[in-house]
Amino acid sequence: MLADIQNNTLIPTVIEQSGRGERAFDIYSRLLKERIIFLVGPVNDHTANLVVAQLLFLESENPDK
């Protein structure tokens, strides 16, 4: 399954099944859930802010990891 975003880039979607049913994640959200941050392209102010936001989110979710 693929999702379409603003700049017409296709992003793979993964389906996770649990006792509560199925849930679809874009691959980057699924990787973040596993504490993996994926960065592609040049680092500029925008991409640096995105990475810092993800790191802060992960820190708030589990400060011991």
C-alpha atoms as a PDB file:
ATOM      1  CA  MET A   1       0.000   0.000   0.000  1.00  0.00           C
ATOM      2  CA  LEU A   2       1.360   3.450  -0.823  1.00  0.00           C
ATOM      3  CA  ALA A   3       0.346   6.886   0.401  1.00  0.00           C
ATOM      4  CA  ASP A   4       0.633  10.078  -1.641  1.00  0.00           C
ATOM      5  CA  ILE A   5       1.988  13.229   0.035  1.00  0.00           C
ATOM      6  CA  GLN A   6       2.262  16.876  -0.983  1.00  0.00           C
ATOM      7  CA  ASN A   7       5.109  16.595  -3.479  1.00  0.00           C
ATOM      8  CA  ASN A   8       3.730  13.441  -5.125  1.00  0.00           C
ATOM      9  CA  THR A   9       6.319  11.201  -3.481  1.00  0.00           C
ATOM     10  CA  LEU A  10       5.014   7.731  -2.733  1.00  0.00           C
ATOM     11  CA  ILE A  11       5.503   6.544   0.833  1.00  0.00           C
ATOM     12  CA  PRO A  12       5.028   2.857   1.664  1.00  0.00           C
ATOM     13  CA  THR A  13       2.376   1.991   4.212  1.00  0.00           C
ATOM     14  CA  VAL A  14       2.557  -0.966   6.566  1.00  0.00           C
ATOM     15  CA  ILE A  15      -0.393  -2.699   8.211  1.00  0.00           C
ATOM     16  CA  GLU A  16      -0.096  -3.701  11.849  1.00  0.00           C
ATOM     17  CA  GLN A  17      -2.540  -6.195  13.298  1.00  0.00           C
ATOM     18  CA  SER A  18      -3.380  -6.407  16.974  1.00  0.00           C
ATOM     19  CA  GLY A  19      -6.178  -7.624  19.179  1.00  0.00           C
ATOM     20  CA  ARG A  20      -7.910  -4.297  18.518  1.00  0.00           C
ATOM     21  CA  GLY A  21      -7.865  -4.704  14.733  1.00  0.00           C
ATOM     22  CA  GLU A  22      -5.721  -3.401  11.912  1.00  0.00           C
ATOM     23  CA  ARG A  23      -3.921  -0.084  11.778  1.00  0.00           C
ATOM     24  CA  ALA A  24      -2.066   1.432   8.842  1.00  0.00           C
ATOM     25  CA  PHE A  25       1.164   3.378   9.372  1.00  0.00           C
ATOM     26  CA  ASP A  26       3.320   5.196   6.882  1.00  0.00           C
ATOM     27  CA  ILE A  27       6.741   3.551   6.992  1.00  0.00           C
ATOM     28  CA  TYR A  28       8.389   6.559   8.654  1.00  0.00           C
ATOM     29  CA  SER A  29       5.903   6.509  11.550  1.00  0.00           C
ATOM     30  CA  ARG A  30       6.477   2.783  11.953  1.00  0.00           C
ATOM     31  CA  LEU A  31      10.249   3.293  12.014  1.00  0.00           C
ATOM     32  CA  LEU A  32       9.871   6.088  14.581  1.00  0.00           C
ATOM     33  CA  LYS A  33       7.866   3.712  16.761  1.00  0.00           C
ATOM     34  CA  GLU A  34      10.990   1.518  16.764  1.00  0.00           C
ATOM     35  CA  ARG A  35      13.113   4.613  17.589  1.00  0.00           C
ATOM     36  CA  ILE A  36      14.577   4.820  14.072  1.00  0.00           C
ATOM     37  CA  ILE A  37      14.812   8.263  12.490  1.00  0.00           C
ATOM     38  CA  PHE A  38      15.164   8.267   8.712  1.00  0.00           C
ATOM     39  CA  LEU A  39      16.770  11.308   7.096  1.00  0.00           C
ATOM     40  CA  VAL A  40      17.091  11.780   3.338  1.00  0.00           C
ATOM     41  CA  GLY A  41      18.549  14.776   1.533  1.00  0.00           C
ATOM     42  CA  PRO A  42      20.435  17.833   2.647  1.00  0.00           C
ATOM     43  CA  VAL A  43      20.227  19.026   6.227  1.00  0.00           C
ATOM     44  CA  ASN A  44      18.753  22.512   6.380  1.00  0.00           C
ATOM     45  CA  ASP A  45      16.776  24.406   9.019  1.00  0.00           C
ATOM     46  CA  HIS A  46      13.540  22.601   8.139  1.00  0.00           C
ATOM     47  CA  THR A  47      14.924  19.057   8.195  1.00  0.00           C
ATOM     48  CA  ALA A  48      16.966  19.791  11.328  1.00  0.00           C
ATOM     49  CA  ASN A  49      13.791  20.978  13.092  1.00  0.00           C
ATOM     50  CA  LEU A  50      11.973  17.800  12.042  1.00  0.00           C
ATOM     51  CA  VAL A  51      14.738  15.577  13.388  1.00  0.00           C
ATOM     52  CA  VAL A  52      14.955  17.527  16.662  1.00  0.00           C
ATOM     53  CA  ALA A  53      11.165  17.270  17.071  1.00  0.00           C
ATOM     54  CA  GLN A  54      11.342  13.504  16.578  1.00  0.00           C
ATOM     55  CA  LEU A  55      14.192  13.195  19.082  1.00  0.00           C
ATOM     56  CA  LEU A  56      12.282  15.266  21.650  1.00  0.00           C
ATOM     57  CA  PHE A  57       9.182  13.137  21.106  1.00  0.00           C
ATOM     58  CA  LEU A  58      11.161   9.922  21.616  1.00  0.00           C
ATOM     59  CA  GLU A  59      12.762  11.351  24.758  1.00  0.00           C
ATOM     60  CA  SER A  60       9.347  12.271  26.180  1.00  0.00           C
ATOM     61  CA  GLU A  61       7.927   8.836  25.361  1.00  0.00           C
ATOM     62  CA  ASN A  62      10.710   6.942  27.116  1.00  0.00           C
ATOM     63  CA  PRO A  63      13.479   8.946  28.817  1.00  0.00           C
ATOM     64  CA  ASP A  64      15.360   5.758  29.809  1.00  0.00           C
ATOM     65  CA  LYS A  65      16.137   4.627  26.244  1.00  0.00           C
END
